[in-house]
C-alpha atoms as a PDB file:
ATOM      1  CA  MET A   1       8.791  -3.099  -5.864  1.00  0.00           C
ATOM      2  CA  PRO A   2       9.540  -0.331  -7.740  1.00  0.00           C
ATOM      3  CA  LEU A   3       9.345   1.139  -3.895  1.00  0.00           C
ATOM      4  CA  ILE A   4      12.070   3.364  -2.652  1.00  0.00           C
ATOM      5  CA  LYS A   5      12.616   2.705   0.504  1.00  0.00           C
ATOM      6  CA  LYS A   6      15.424   4.898   1.617  1.00  0.00           C
ATOM      7  CA  THR A   7      16.081   8.216   0.474  1.00  0.00           C
ATOM      8  CA  ASN A   8      19.063  10.667   1.331  1.00  0.00           C
ATOM      9  CA  TYR A   9      16.973  14.078   1.590  1.00  0.00           C
ATOM     10  CA  ASP A  10      18.635  15.691   4.319  1.00  0.00           C
ATOM     11  CA  TYR A  11      16.535  19.314   4.560  1.00  0.00           C
ATOM     12  CA  PRO A  12      17.333  22.921   6.662  1.00  0.00           C
ATOM     13  CA  LYS A  13      16.829  21.487  10.140  1.00  0.00           C
ATOM     14  CA  TRP A  14      15.239  25.603  10.440  1.00  0.00           C
ATOM     15  CA  LEU A  15      12.589  24.457   8.147  1.00  0.00           C
ATOM     16  CA  PHE A  16      11.291  22.190  10.804  1.00  0.00           C
ATOM     17  CA  ASN A  17       7.743  21.787   9.668  1.00  0.00           C
ATOM     18  CA  GLY A  18       5.786  21.143   6.281  1.00  0.00           C
ATOM     19  CA  HIS A  19       3.660  24.276   6.012  1.00  0.00           C
ATOM     20  CA  LEU A  20       7.288  26.182   5.819  1.00  0.00           C
ATOM     21  CA  GLN A  21       9.829  23.108   3.509  1.00  0.00           C
ATOM     22  CA  THR A  22       6.272  24.269   1.375  1.00  0.00           C
ATOM     23  CA  ILE A  23       5.950  28.003   2.313  1.00  0.00           C
ATOM     24  CA  VAL A  24       9.561  29.297   2.060  1.00  0.00           C
ATOM     25  CA  PRO A  25      10.705  27.758  -1.251  1.00  0.00           C
ATOM     26  CA  GLY A  26       7.752  28.624  -2.704  1.00  0.00           C
ATOM     27  CA  LEU A  27       7.659  32.508  -2.031  1.00  0.00           C
ATOM     28  CA  PHE A  28      10.928  33.471  -1.290  1.00  0.00           C
ATOM     29  CA  ARG A  29      13.153  31.545  -4.140  1.00  0.00           C
ATOM     30  CA  SER A  30      15.091  34.250  -6.246  1.00  0.00           C
ATOM     31  CA  PRO A  31      14.091  34.033  -9.988  1.00  0.00           C
ATOM     32  CA  ILE A  32      16.689  31.888 -12.471  1.00  0.00           C
ATOM     33  CA  PRO A  33      17.195  33.507 -14.843  1.00  0.00           C
ATOM     34  CA  LEU A  34      17.681  31.819 -18.730  1.00  0.00           C
ATOM     35  CA  PRO A  35      17.361  32.545 -22.394  1.00  0.00           C
ATOM     36  CA  PHE A  36      14.136  31.242 -22.578  1.00  0.00           C
ATOM     37  CA  GLU A  37      13.027  31.758 -26.424  1.00  0.00           C
ATOM     38  CA  ARG A  38       9.198  32.107 -26.950  1.00  0.00           C
ATOM     39  CA  GLU A  39       6.908  30.140 -28.809  1.00  0.00           C
ATOM     40  CA  ARG A  40       3.484  30.134 -29.548  1.00  0.00           C
ATOM     41  CA  VAL A  41       1.374  26.768 -30.922  1.00  0.00           C
ATOM     42  CA  ASN A  42      -2.000  26.917 -32.088  1.00  0.00           C
ATOM     43  CA  THR A  43      -4.492  23.733 -30.853  1.00  0.00           C
ATOM     44  CA  PRO A  44      -6.729  21.841 -33.204  1.00  0.00           C
ATOM     45  CA  ASP A  45      -9.625  23.715 -31.816  1.00  0.00           C
ATOM     46  CA  GLY A  46      -8.222  27.432 -33.080  1.00  0.00           C
ATOM     47  CA  ASP A  47      -6.834  28.007 -28.951  1.00  0.00           C
ATOM     48  CA  PHE A  48      -3.156  28.725 -28.477  1.00  0.00           C
ATOM     49  CA  LEU A  49      -0.135  27.494 -26.037  1.00  0.00           C
ATOM     50  CA  ASP A  50       2.886  29.007 -24.938  1.00  0.00           C
ATOM     51  CA  LEU A  51       6.257  26.818 -25.149  1.00  0.00           C
ATOM     52  CA  ASP A  52       9.410  28.563 -23.010  1.00  0.00           C
ATOM     53  CA  TRP A  53      12.296  26.859 -24.409  1.00  0.00           C
ATOM     54  CA  LEU A  54      15.945  26.343 -23.808  1.00  0.00           C
ATOM     55  CA  LYS A  55      17.951  24.551 -26.632  1.00  0.00           C
ATOM     56  CA  GLN A  56      21.337  23.852 -27.848  1.00  0.00           C
ATOM     57  CA  GLY A  57      21.404  21.526 -30.134  1.00  0.00           C
ATOM     58  CA  SER A  58      20.940  18.514 -27.897  1.00  0.00           C
ATOM     59  CA  SER A  59      18.893  14.998 -29.129  1.00  0.00           C
ATOM     60  CA  ASN A  60      17.145  14.946 -25.755  1.00  0.00           C
ATOM     61  CA  LEU A  61      14.178  16.624 -24.580  1.00  0.00           C
ATOM     62  CA  ILE A  62      12.889  16.714 -21.286  1.00  0.00           C
ATOM     63  CA  ILE A  63       9.091  18.548 -21.102  1.00  0.00           C
ATOM     64  CA  ILE A  64       8.686  20.209 -17.770  1.00  0.00           C
ATOM     65  CA  SER A  65       4.555  20.787 -16.702  1.00  0.00           C
ATOM     66  CA  HIS A  66       4.199  23.418 -14.407  1.00  0.00           C
ATOM     67  CA  GLY A  67       1.547  23.377 -10.697  1.00  0.00           C
ATOM     68  CA  LEU A  68      -2.569  24.659  -9.815  1.00  0.00           C
ATOM     69  CA  GLU A  69      -2.077  28.987 -11.244  1.00  0.00           C
ATOM     70  CA  GLY A  70       2.340  28.390 -12.292  1.00  0.00           C
ATOM     71  CA  ASN A  71       3.584  29.076 -15.770  1.00  0.00           C
ATOM     72  CA  SER A  72       6.947  28.097 -17.554  1.00  0.00           C
ATOM     73  CA  ARG A  73       9.050  30.258 -15.612  1.00  0.00           C
ATOM     74  CA  ARG A  74       8.266  29.920 -12.250  1.00  0.00           C
ATOM     75  CA  PRO A  75      11.541  29.260  -9.994  1.00  0.00           C
ATOM     76  CA  TYR A  76      10.273  25.774  -9.377  1.00  0.00           C
ATOM     77  CA  MET A  77      10.291  24.967 -13.311  1.00  0.00           C
ATOM     78  CA  ALA A  78      13.379  27.008 -13.561  1.00  0.00           C
ATOM     79  CA  GLY A  79      15.335  25.400 -11.214  1.00  0.00           C
ATOM     80  CA  MET A  80      14.598  21.789 -12.450  1.00  0.00           C
ATOM     81  CA  ALA A  81      15.135  23.479 -16.343  1.00  0.00           C
ATOM     82  CA  ARG A  82      19.148  25.051 -15.565  1.00  0.00           C
ATOM     83  CA  GLN A  83      19.250  21.099 -14.365  1.00  0.00           C
ATOM     84  CA  PHE A  84      18.477  19.111 -17.141  1.00  0.00           C
ATOM     85  CA  PHE A  85      20.053  22.388 -19.875  1.00  0.00           C
ATOM     86  CA  ALA A  86      23.312  22.946 -17.282  1.00  0.00           C
ATOM     87  CA  GLN A  87      23.902  18.445 -18.242  1.00  0.00           C
ATOM     88  CA  GLY A  88      22.732  18.916 -21.892  1.00  0.00           C
ATOM     89  CA  PHE A  89      19.453  18.828 -22.261  1.00  0.00           C
ATOM     90  CA  ASP A  90      17.138  20.793 -24.621  1.00  0.00           C
ATOM     91  CA  VAL A  91      14.500  21.779 -22.217  1.00  0.00           C
ATOM     92  CA  LEU A  92      10.886  23.462 -23.102  1.00  0.00           C
ATOM     93  CA  ASN A  93       8.871  24.373 -20.167  1.00  0.00           C
ATOM     94  CA  TRP A  94       5.029  25.255 -21.518  1.00  0.00           C
ATOM     95  CA  ASN A  95       2.347  27.231 -20.152  1.00  0.00           C
ATOM     96  CA  TYR A  96      -1.055  26.161 -20.021  1.00  0.00           C
ATOM     97  CA  ARG A  97      -4.249  27.340 -21.322  1.00  0.00           C
ATOM     98  CA  GLY A  98      -4.406  30.883 -19.382  1.00  0.00           C
ATOM     99  CA  CYS A  99      -1.063  30.838 -17.754  1.00  0.00           C
ATOM    100  CA  SER A 100       1.402  33.109 -19.911  1.00  0.00           C
ATOM    101  CA  GLU A 101       0.593  36.639 -20.156  1.00  0.00           C
ATOM    102  CA  GLU A 102      -2.774  36.522 -22.730  1.00  0.00           C
ATOM    103  CA  LEU A 103      -6.284  34.937 -21.870  1.00  0.00           C
ATOM    104  CA  ASN A 104      -7.004  32.347 -23.821  1.00  0.00           C
ATOM    105  CA  ASN A 105      -8.768  32.801 -26.954  1.00  0.00           C
ATOM    106  CA  LYS A 106     -11.587  29.852 -25.293  1.00  0.00           C
ATOM    107  CA  PRO A 107     -14.009  29.172 -22.514  1.00  0.00           C
ATOM    108  CA  ILE A 108     -12.139  26.352 -21.040  1.00  0.00           C
ATOM    109  CA  PHE A 109      -9.371  26.888 -19.609  1.00  0.00           C
ATOM    110  CA  TYR A 110      -6.672  24.715 -17.833  1.00  0.00           C
ATOM    111  CA  HIS A 111      -7.491  21.454 -15.291  1.00  0.00           C
ATOM    112  CA  SER A 112      -6.151  18.615 -14.207  1.00  0.00           C
ATOM    113  CA  GLY A 113      -6.079  15.940 -16.702  1.00  0.00           C
ATOM    114  CA  ALA A 114      -6.566  18.062 -20.035  1.00  0.00           C
ATOM    115  CA  THR A 115      -4.091  16.143 -21.428  1.00  0.00           C
ATOM    116  CA  TYR A 116      -4.642  16.664 -25.014  1.00  0.00           C
ATOM    117  CA  ASP A 117      -2.216  20.121 -24.525  1.00  0.00           C
ATOM    118  CA  LEU A 118      -0.110  17.523 -23.402  1.00  0.00           C
ATOM    119  CA  ASP A 119       0.210  15.536 -25.884  1.00  0.00           C
ATOM    120  CA  HIS A 120       0.056  18.670 -28.579  1.00  0.00           C
ATOM    121  CA  VAL A 121       3.128  19.506 -26.834  1.00  0.00           C
ATOM    122  CA  VAL A 122       4.665  16.324 -26.961  1.00  0.00           C
ATOM    123  CA  ASN A 123       3.699  15.363 -30.600  1.00  0.00           C
ATOM    124  CA  HIS A 124       4.758  19.159 -31.767  1.00  0.00           C
ATOM    125  CA  ALA A 125       7.979  18.627 -30.186  1.00  0.00           C
ATOM    126  CA  ALA A 126       9.156  15.277 -30.019  1.00  0.00           C
ATOM    127  CA  THR A 127       9.868  15.255 -34.408  1.00  0.00           C
ATOM    128  CA  ALA A 128      13.350  16.910 -33.962  1.00  0.00           C
ATOM    129  CA  TYR A 129      14.596  14.852 -30.559  1.00  0.00           C
ATOM    130  CA  GLU A 130      15.788  11.177 -30.581  1.00  0.00           C
ATOM    131  CA  ALA A 131      14.014  10.487 -26.649  1.00  0.00           C
ATOM    132  CA  VAL A 132      11.888  12.707 -25.087  1.00  0.00           C
ATOM    133  CA  TYR A 133      11.491  13.044 -20.986  1.00  0.00           C
ATOM    134  CA  LEU A 134       8.831  14.389 -18.941  1.00  0.00           C
ATOM    135  CA  VAL A 135       8.673  16.324 -15.750  1.00  0.00           C
ATOM    136  CA  GLY A 136       5.554  17.091 -13.007  1.00  0.00           C
ATOM    137  CA  PHE A 137       5.067  19.180 -10.934  1.00  0.00           C
ATOM    138  CA  SER A 138       2.344  18.665  -8.623  1.00  0.00           C
ATOM    139  CA  LEU A 139      -0.985  19.594 -11.527  1.00  0.00           C
ATOM    140  CA  GLY A 140       1.029  18.818 -13.306  1.00  0.00           C
ATOM    141  CA  GLY A 141       2.441  15.731 -12.628  1.00  0.00           C
ATOM    142  CA  ASN A 142      -0.983  14.457 -12.779  1.00  0.00           C
ATOM    143  CA  LEU A 143      -1.406  15.217 -16.051  1.00  0.00           C
ATOM    144  CA  THR A 144       1.920  13.707 -16.185  1.00  0.00           C
ATOM    145  CA  LEU A 145       1.264  10.290 -15.117  1.00  0.00           C
ATOM    146  CA  LYS A 146      -3.049  10.344 -16.756  1.00  0.00           C
ATOM    147  CA  TYR A 147      -1.575  11.170 -19.755  1.00  0.00           C
ATOM    148  CA  LEU A 148       0.924   7.745 -19.948  1.00  0.00           C
ATOM    149  CA  GLY A 149      -1.312   5.770 -17.981  1.00  0.00           C
ATOM    150  CA  GLU A 150      -4.687   6.697 -20.989  1.00  0.00           C
ATOM    151  CA  SER A 151      -4.625   4.496 -24.157  1.00  0.00           C
ATOM    152  CA  ARG A 152      -4.421   7.064 -26.636  1.00  0.00           C
ATOM    153  CA  GLN A 153      -1.215   7.067 -28.871  1.00  0.00           C
ATOM    154  CA  LYS A 154       1.643   8.080 -27.602  1.00  0.00           C
ATOM    155  CA  SER A 155       4.748   8.994 -28.657  1.00  0.00           C
ATOM    156  CA  PRO A 156       7.242   6.431 -28.470  1.00  0.00           C
ATOM    157  CA  LYS A 157      10.406   8.728 -28.118  1.00  0.00           C
ATOM    158  CA  ILE A 158       9.184   9.216 -24.299  1.00  0.00           C
ATOM    159  CA  GLN A 159      11.152   6.975 -22.304  1.00  0.00           C
ATOM    160  CA  LYS A 160      10.663   7.935 -18.510  1.00  0.00           C
ATOM    161  CA  ALA A 161       8.851  10.585 -16.493  1.00  0.00           C
ATOM    162  CA  VAL A 162       8.863  12.131 -12.568  1.00  0.00           C
ATOM    163  CA  ALA A 163       6.219  13.316 -11.603  1.00  0.00           C
ATOM    164  CA  ILE A 164       6.992  15.761  -7.934  1.00  0.00           C
ATOM    165  CA  SER A 165       4.632  16.687  -4.909  1.00  0.00           C
ATOM    166  CA  VAL A 166       1.476  14.614  -6.693  1.00  0.00           C
ATOM    167  CA  PRO A 167      -2.337  15.137  -5.709  1.00  0.00           C
ATOM    168  CA  LEU A 168      -2.761  11.411  -7.368  1.00  0.00           C
ATOM    169  CA  HIS A 169      -6.158  11.415  -5.667  1.00  0.00           C
ATOM    170  CA  LEU A 170      -7.939  14.838  -6.621  1.00  0.00           C
ATOM    171  CA  GLU A 171     -10.673  14.786  -4.028  1.00  0.00           C
ATOM    172  CA  SER A 172      -9.594  13.473  -1.218  1.00  0.00           C
ATOM    173  CA  SER A 173      -6.551  15.943  -1.969  1.00  0.00           C
ATOM    174  CA  CYS A 174      -8.336  18.566  -2.173  1.00  0.00           C
ATOM    175  CA  HIS A 175     -10.887  18.068   1.430  1.00  0.00           C
ATOM    176  CA  LYS A 176      -6.906  17.848   2.885  1.00  0.00           C
ATOM    177  CA  ILE A 177      -5.554  21.959   1.355  1.00  0.00           C
ATOM    178  CA  SER A 178      -9.497  22.860   2.089  1.00  0.00           C
ATOM    179  CA  SER A 179      -9.613  21.745   6.355  1.00  0.00           C
ATOM    180  CA  GLY A 180      -8.377  22.760   8.734  1.00  0.00           C
ATOM    181  CA  GLU A 181      -4.331  24.495   8.808  1.00  0.00           C
ATOM    182  CA  ASN A 182      -4.699  23.552   5.606  1.00  0.00           C
ATOM    183  CA  ILE A 183      -6.711  26.850   3.639  1.00  0.00           C
ATOM    184  CA  VAL A 184      -4.841  29.318   3.369  1.00  0.00           C
ATOM    185  CA  TYR A 185      -3.515  27.370   1.152  1.00  0.00           C
ATOM    186  CA  ALA A 186      -6.462  26.848  -1.194  1.00  0.00           C
ATOM    187  CA  LYS A 187      -7.506  30.592   0.049  1.00  0.00           C
ATOM    188  CA  ARG A 188      -5.170  31.331  -2.232  1.00  0.00           C
ATOM    189  CA  PHE A 189      -5.202  29.514  -5.074  1.00  0.00           C
ATOM    190  CA  LEU A 190      -9.524  30.484  -5.064  1.00  0.00           C
ATOM    191  CA  LYS A 191      -8.583  34.511  -5.125  1.00  0.00           C
ATOM    192  CA  THR A 192      -6.487  34.019  -7.962  1.00  0.00           C
ATOM    193  CA  LEU A 193      -8.484  31.470 -10.064  1.00  0.00           C
ATOM    194  CA  LYS A 194     -11.633  34.139  -8.974  1.00  0.00           C
ATOM    195  CA  GLU A 195      -9.663  36.834 -10.718  1.00  0.00           C
ATOM    196  CA  LYS A 196      -9.010  34.592 -13.621  1.00  0.00           C
ATOM    197  CA  VAL A 197     -13.213  33.698 -14.031  1.00  0.00           C
ATOM    198  CA  VAL A 198     -13.729  37.128 -13.351  1.00  0.00           C
ATOM    199  CA  ARG A 199     -11.519  38.060 -16.795  1.00  0.00           C
ATOM    200  CA  LYS A 200     -12.948  35.562 -18.889  1.00  0.00           C
ATOM    201  CA  ALA A 201     -15.970  36.283 -18.039  1.00  0.00           C
ATOM    202  CA  GLN A 202     -16.182  39.785 -19.761  1.00  0.00           C
ATOM    203  CA  LYS A 203     -14.557  38.208 -22.815  1.00  0.00           C
ATOM    204  CA  PHE A 204     -17.216  35.176 -23.097  1.00  0.00           C
ATOM    205  CA  PRO A 205     -20.551  36.256 -20.973  1.00  0.00           C
ATOM    206  CA  ASP A 206     -22.198  33.429 -22.162  1.00  0.00           C
ATOM    207  CA  ASP A 207     -20.278  31.183 -21.253  1.00  0.00           C
ATOM    208  CA  ILE A 208     -19.123  31.958 -17.956  1.00  0.00           C
ATOM    209  CA  PRO A 209     -21.835  32.993 -15.405  1.00  0.00           C
ATOM    210  CA  LEU A 210     -21.106  34.890 -12.406  1.00  0.00           C
ATOM    211  CA  GLY A 211     -23.748  35.009 -10.151  1.00  0.00           C
ATOM    212  CA  VAL A 212     -22.864  32.177  -8.194  1.00  0.00           C
ATOM    213  CA  LEU A 213     -18.495  33.620  -7.776  1.00  0.00           C
ATOM    214  CA  ARG A 214     -19.493  35.243  -4.326  1.00  0.00           C
ATOM    215  CA  LYS A 215     -20.692  31.453  -3.262  1.00  0.00           C
ATOM    216  CA  ILE A 216     -17.694  29.652  -4.222  1.00  0.00           C
ATOM    217  CA  LYS A 217     -15.256  29.731  -0.428  1.00  0.00           C
ATOM    218  CA  THR A 218     -14.309  26.839  -1.437  1.00  0.00           C
ATOM    219  CA  LEU A 219     -12.004  24.917  -4.288  1.00  0.00           C
ATOM    220  CA  GLN A 220     -14.163  21.740  -4.101  1.00  0.00           C
ATOM    221  CA  ASP A 221     -16.708  24.808  -4.649  1.00  0.00           C
ATOM    222  CA  PHE A 222     -14.953  26.826  -7.894  1.00  0.00           C
ATOM    223  CA  ASP A 223     -14.553  22.911  -9.519  1.00  0.00           C
ATOM    224  CA  ASP A 224     -18.952  22.450  -9.591  1.00  0.00           C
ATOM    225  CA  HIS A 225     -19.392  25.375 -10.156  1.00  0.00           C
ATOM    226  CA  TYR A 226     -16.468  26.329 -13.137  1.00  0.00           C
ATOM    227  CA  THR A 227     -13.901  23.859 -14.034  1.00  0.00           C
ATOM    228  CA  GLY A 228     -16.464  20.682 -14.169  1.00  0.00           C
ATOM    229  CA  PRO A 229     -19.170  21.945 -16.211  1.00  0.00           C
ATOM    230  CA  LEU A 230     -16.642  24.488 -18.223  1.00  0.00           C
ATOM    231  CA  HIS A 231     -14.803  21.253 -19.367  1.00  0.00           C
ATOM    232  CA  GLY A 232     -17.729  18.608 -20.348  1.00  0.00           C
ATOM    233  CA  PHE A 233     -18.512  17.029 -15.997  1.00  0.00           C
ATOM    234  CA  GLU A 234     -21.451  16.154 -14.245  1.00  0.00           C
ATOM    235  CA  ASP A 235     -20.142  18.289 -10.385  1.00  0.00           C
ATOM    236  CA  ALA A 236     -16.387  18.576  -9.187  1.00  0.00           C
ATOM    237  CA  HIS A 237     -16.967  14.592  -8.302  1.00  0.00           C
ATOM    238  CA  ASP A 238     -17.081  13.662 -11.403  1.00  0.00           C
ATOM    239  CA  TYR A 239     -13.764  15.608 -12.695  1.00  0.00           C
ATOM    240  CA  TYR A 240     -12.407  14.168  -9.562  1.00  0.00           C
ATOM    241  CA  GLU A 241     -12.918  10.374 -10.714  1.00  0.00           C
ATOM    242  CA  GLN A 242     -12.065  10.777 -14.490  1.00  0.00           C
ATOM    243  CA  ASN A 243      -8.661  12.601 -14.163  1.00  0.00           C
ATOM    244  CA  SER A 244      -7.494  11.049 -10.847  1.00  0.00           C
ATOM    245  CA  SER A 245      -3.697   9.613 -12.429  1.00  0.00           C
ATOM    246  CA  LEU A 246      -4.544   7.184  -9.021  1.00  0.00           C
ATOM    247  CA  TYR A 247      -6.003   5.711 -11.186  1.00  0.00           C
ATOM    248  CA  PHE A 248      -4.455   5.455 -14.728  1.00  0.00           C
ATOM    249  CA  LEU A 249      -0.573   4.393 -12.879  1.00  0.00           C
ATOM    250  CA  GLU A 250      -1.450   1.116 -13.612  1.00  0.00           C
ATOM    251  CA  ASN A 251      -1.622   1.060 -17.733  1.00  0.00           C
ATOM    252  CA  ILE A 252       2.127   3.623 -17.265  1.00  0.00           C
ATOM    253  CA  ALA A 253       4.431   1.796 -20.262  1.00  0.00           C
ATOM    254  CA  VAL A 254       7.376   3.748 -19.623  1.00  0.00           C
ATOM    255  CA  PRO A 255       9.399   4.008 -16.219  1.00  0.00           C
ATOM    256  CA  ALA A 256       7.712   6.951 -13.980  1.00  0.00           C
ATOM    257  CA  LEU A 257       8.877   8.455 -10.384  1.00  0.00           C
ATOM    258  CA  ILE A 258       6.188   9.477  -8.203  1.00  0.00           C
ATOM    259  CA  LEU A 259       8.120  11.893  -5.268  1.00  0.00           C
ATOM    260  CA  ASN A 260       5.864  12.232  -2.624  1.00  0.00           C
ATOM    261  CA  ALA A 261       6.576  14.506   0.815  1.00  0.00           C
ATOM    262  CA  GLN A 262       4.900  12.523   3.481  1.00  0.00           C
ATOM    263  CA  ASN A 263       4.002  16.159   4.890  1.00  0.00           C
ATOM    264  CA  ASP A 264       3.307  17.871   1.863  1.00  0.00           C
ATOM    265  CA  PRO A 265      -0.147  19.400   3.426  1.00  0.00           C
ATOM    266  CA  PHE A 266      -1.553  19.220  -0.026  1.00  0.00           C
ATOM    267  CA  LEU A 267      -1.960  15.148  -0.371  1.00  0.00           C
ATOM    268  CA  SER A 268      -3.997  13.037   1.250  1.00  0.00           C
ATOM    269  CA  ASP A 269      -3.263   9.382   2.678  1.00  0.00           C
ATOM    270  CA  LYS A 270      -4.295   7.862  -0.759  1.00  0.00           C
ATOM    271  CA  CYS A 271      -1.536   9.904  -2.559  1.00  0.00           C
ATOM    272  CA  PHE A 272       0.849   7.456  -0.665  1.00  0.00           C
ATOM    273  CA  PRO A 273      -0.517   3.786  -2.456  1.00  0.00           C
ATOM    274  CA  ILE A 274       2.092   1.909  -0.747  1.00  0.00           C
ATOM    275  CA  SER A 275       0.097  -1.018  -2.155  1.00  0.00           C
ATOM    276  CA  LEU A 276      -0.639  -0.896  -4.967  1.00  0.00           C
ATOM    277  CA  GLY A 277       3.269   0.810  -5.655  1.00  0.00           C
ATOM    278  CA  ARG A 278       4.560  -2.577  -4.411  1.00  0.00           C
ATOM    279  CA  LYS A 279       2.553  -4.254  -7.702  1.00  0.00           C
ATOM    280  CA  LEU A 280       4.275  -2.399 -10.427  1.00  0.00           C
ATOM    281  CA  ASP A 281       6.565  -2.934 -12.587  1.00  0.00           C
ATOM    282  CA  THR A 282       7.001   1.115 -14.063  1.00  0.00           C
ATOM    283  CA  VAL A 283       6.491   3.041 -11.399  1.00  0.00           C
ATOM    284  CA  TRP A 284       8.615   4.168  -9.009  1.00  0.00           C
ATOM    285  CA  MET A 285       7.598   5.464  -5.988  1.00  0.00           C
ATOM    286  CA  GLU A 286       9.243   8.261  -3.486  1.00  0.00           C
ATOM    287  CA  PHE A 287       7.712   8.848   0.336  1.00  0.00           C
ATOM    288  CA  PRO A 288      10.317  10.358   2.382  1.00  0.00           C
ATOM    289  CA  LYS A 289       9.446  11.886   5.655  1.00  0.00           C
ATOM    290  CA  TYR A 290      10.100  16.112   4.388  1.00  0.00           C
ATOM    291  CA  GLY A 291      10.104  17.963   1.703  1.00  0.00           C
ATOM    292  CA  GLY A 292       6.766  20.230   1.740  1.00  0.00           C
ATOM    293  CA  HIS A 293       5.061  20.582  -1.584  1.00  0.00           C
ATOM    294  CA  VAL A 294       6.717  20.698  -4.207  1.00  0.00           C
ATOM    295  CA  GLY A 295       9.608  21.957  -1.726  1.00  0.00           C
ATOM    296  CA  PHE A 296      12.805  20.133  -1.288  1.00  0.00           C
ATOM    297  CA  SER A 297      14.789  22.879  -0.291  1.00  0.00           C
ATOM    298  CA  PRO A 298      18.852  22.437   0.125  1.00  0.00           C
ATOM    299  CA  ARG A 299      20.504  22.863   3.070  1.00  0.00           C
ATOM    300  CA  LYS A 300      22.958  25.297   1.418  1.00  0.00           C
ATOM    301  CA  LYS A 301      20.826  28.469  -0.413  1.00  0.00           C
ATOM    302  CA  GLU A 302      23.999  28.054  -3.066  1.00  0.00           C
ATOM    303  CA  ASP A 303      22.705  24.255  -3.125  1.00  0.00           C
ATOM    304  CA  ILE A 304      20.732  22.726  -6.146  1.00  0.00           C
ATOM    305  CA  TYR A 305      17.566  21.363  -5.084  1.00  0.00           C
ATOM    306  CA  TRP A 306      16.705  18.077  -4.318  1.00  0.00           C
ATOM    307  CA  SER A 307      13.582  17.003  -6.350  1.00  0.00           C
ATOM    308  CA  GLU A 308      15.890  18.536  -9.036  1.00  0.00           C
ATOM    309  CA  LYS A 309      18.437  16.213  -8.542  1.00  0.00           C
ATOM    310  CA  ARG A 310      16.210  13.123  -8.243  1.00  0.00           C
ATOM    311  CA  ALA A 311      14.927  13.479 -11.092  1.00  0.00           C
ATOM    312  CA  PHE A 312      18.008  14.044 -13.415  1.00  0.00           C
ATOM    313  CA  GLU A 313      18.920  10.451 -11.408  1.00  0.00           C
ATOM    314  CA  PHE A 314      16.368   8.846 -12.370  1.00  0.00           C
ATOM    315  CA  ILE A 315      15.463  10.315 -15.901  1.00  0.00           C
ATOM    316  CA  THR A 316      19.478   9.582 -16.374  1.00  0.00           C
ATOM    317  CA  GLY A 317      19.525   6.156 -15.423  1.00  0.00           C
ATOM    318  CA  ASN A 318      20.513   6.240 -11.319  1.00  0.00           C
ATOM    319  CA  GLN A 319      17.102   4.402 -10.398  1.00  0.00           C
END
């Protein structure tokens, strides 16, 4: 308890494995036009974050966090935003540092445990609402769960959260995505991360050395030389250990749902902690057999994605 053993996700039969269930919605889902309003907020350290709002005067706000190398307007982000906006919520999709159209102002960028920025967004937004809810995808799911499990004081307006396709254990998941047939995903992420580092090095040559860039072949190499040291960690291992949300689940006080597909090519076995799930009172775990990574495509193209339905069900009270 609270382990959810039965799931009603019915996947499209032509998407017959985890790779197709990941790649097809990731590459071919149509853009979703929504009337977002952009707001730029300054951070305490002199940087900025770009926030995209959908407002209709609701007293309830949903804050949605994206995945690695994503942004606020990716189709999976817009799909979740549309679902809640259509049901009367105000929505805030936010961009991590350097993930909107402009590089951020500091040598640091974003990472899986940068909860200081999520905290800043929550505190900035929550003042106008009676209730706040959080949804996070992949890296954003890890960020959300870690934030909820940290000892820092959080807004009492946070009511519930949903984390989808979450690499609960960062190091083993990094190894999983970088091995065998999964390496195609790692290479794609690595390409855009390297491009971003080159751009940032032009702005901060003393802080971001490029001499090792050619030697970087894996995501762990990247985290060893850039993500870890830039953000105050010794290396990739230290970064992973300090920021894996798996280690924060027992301290989460508000109801939260973890939705991880068993055929997700990004997630290691440690991202399905069933024995821990049986001990927790506030964290629900739902591990459907199918869905891929940030997939969960509907049977019919015009239907709502199952993850969007499931998140709405959980947040509105039907566990």
